[in-house]
Amino acid sequence: MNAGQQHLLDLYRAAQRGEAAPPAPGIHTVRTVREIQRWHRFRAVVTAPADHLPSRIRRAVRSAATALLRREARATGAREGAPARLSS
């Protein structure tokens, strides 16, 4: 059943029950898209530059690489008997 058929069925049910007719499909689509665009523009203005996606990806990669290096340094240091150290 597509949206038009569902709408006709809803119209029939509303008429049988004496209720108000539901809005036709697609009536609020343009308004909804505009509100979503406005929300994204607002978020772009109020979000700190460090919280934008490229910065978050860079931070995640850097922290993952650091964690892997620490684990590798610990494993290497434990095998050689020397304490593992990382320079920051």
Protein backbone atom coordinates (compact mmCIF):
# COMPACT_ATOMS: atom_id res chain seq x y z
CA MET A 1 0.00 0.00 0.00
CA ASN A 2 1.45 3.35 -0.96
CA ALA A 3 1.02 6.67 0.84
CA GLY A 4 -1.93 7.76 -1.31
CA GLN A 5 -3.85 4.57 -0.62
CA GLN A 6 -3.10 4.79 3.09
CA HIS A 7 -4.34 8.37 3.10
CA LEU A 8 -7.60 7.36 1.41
CA LEU A 9 -8.07 4.60 3.98
CA ASP A 10 -7.43 7.09 6.80
CA LEU A 11 -9.92 9.52 5.25
CA TYR A 12 -12.55 6.77 5.12
CA ARG A 13 -11.94 5.77 8.75
CA ALA A 14 -12.09 9.40 9.89
CA ALA A 15 -15.37 9.92 8.02
CA GLN A 16 -16.86 6.77 9.57
CA ARG A 17 -15.88 7.88 13.07
CA GLY A 18 -16.85 11.52 12.58
CA GLU A 19 -13.27 12.72 13.17
CA ALA A 20 -11.29 15.42 11.38
CA ALA A 21 -9.58 14.35 8.19
CA PRO A 22 -5.82 13.73 8.44
CA PRO A 23 -3.50 15.96 6.41
CA ALA A 24 -2.55 14.74 2.97
CA PRO A 25 0.89 13.17 2.61
CA GLY A 26 3.64 15.59 1.61
CA ILE A 27 1.92 18.76 2.84
CA HIS A 28 4.55 19.55 5.48
CA THR A 29 7.56 18.12 3.63
CA VAL A 30 8.98 21.45 2.43
CA ARG A 31 8.54 23.05 5.84
CA THR A 32 10.22 20.11 7.54
CA VAL A 33 13.20 20.24 5.17
CA ARG A 34 13.59 23.97 5.79
CA GLU A 35 13.49 23.44 9.55
CA ILE A 36 16.15 20.74 9.31
CA GLN A 37 18.37 23.01 7.21
CA ARG A 38 17.88 25.85 9.67
CA TRP A 39 18.80 23.52 12.56
CA HIS A 40 22.01 22.43 10.81
CA ARG A 41 22.99 26.04 10.15
CA PHE A 42 22.31 26.91 13.79
CA ARG A 43 24.40 23.97 15.02
CA ALA A 44 27.26 25.03 12.71
CA VAL A 45 27.27 28.48 14.29
CA VAL A 46 27.02 27.48 17.96
CA THR A 47 29.26 24.40 17.84
CA ALA A 48 32.88 24.95 18.81
CA PRO A 49 35.34 24.34 15.95
CA ALA A 50 36.98 21.51 17.90
CA ASP A 51 33.65 19.65 17.97
CA HIS A 52 33.18 19.55 14.20
CA LEU A 53 33.45 16.13 12.55
CA PRO A 54 36.99 16.42 11.08
CA SER A 55 38.36 17.49 14.46
CA ARG A 56 36.56 14.66 16.23
CA ILE A 57 37.93 12.14 13.72
CA ARG A 58 41.46 13.51 14.14
CA ARG A 59 41.14 13.32 17.93
CA ALA A 60 39.84 9.75 17.79
CA VAL A 61 42.63 8.59 15.48
CA ARG A 62 45.26 10.32 17.60
CA SER A 63 43.96 8.77 20.84
CA ALA A 64 43.72 5.32 19.25
CA ALA A 65 47.27 5.59 17.93
CA THR A 66 48.51 6.72 21.34
CA ALA A 67 46.78 3.82 23.05
CA LEU A 68 48.30 1.35 20.60
CA LEU A 69 51.77 2.84 21.06
CA ARG A 70 51.42 2.64 24.85
CA ARG A 71 50.34 -0.98 24.67
CA GLU A 72 53.22 -1.78 22.33
CA ALA A 73 55.69 0.04 24.58
CA ARG A 74 54.43 -1.86 27.63
CA ALA A 75 54.69 -5.18 25.84
CA THR A 76 58.20 -4.41 24.58
CA GLY A 77 59.34 -3.05 27.94
CA ALA A 78 57.95 -6.06 29.80
CA ARG A 79 59.86 -8.47 27.54
CA GLU A 80 63.16 -6.64 27.85
CA GLY A 81 62.83 -6.02 31.58
CA ALA A 82 63.14 -2.24 31.18
CA PRO A 83 60.32 0.15 32.12
CA ALA A 84 58.38 1.45 29.12
CA ARG A 85 58.36 5.22 28.68
CA LEU A 86 56.68 7.46 26.19
CA SER A 87 57.73 10.98 25.45
CA SER A 88 54.84 13.39 25.00
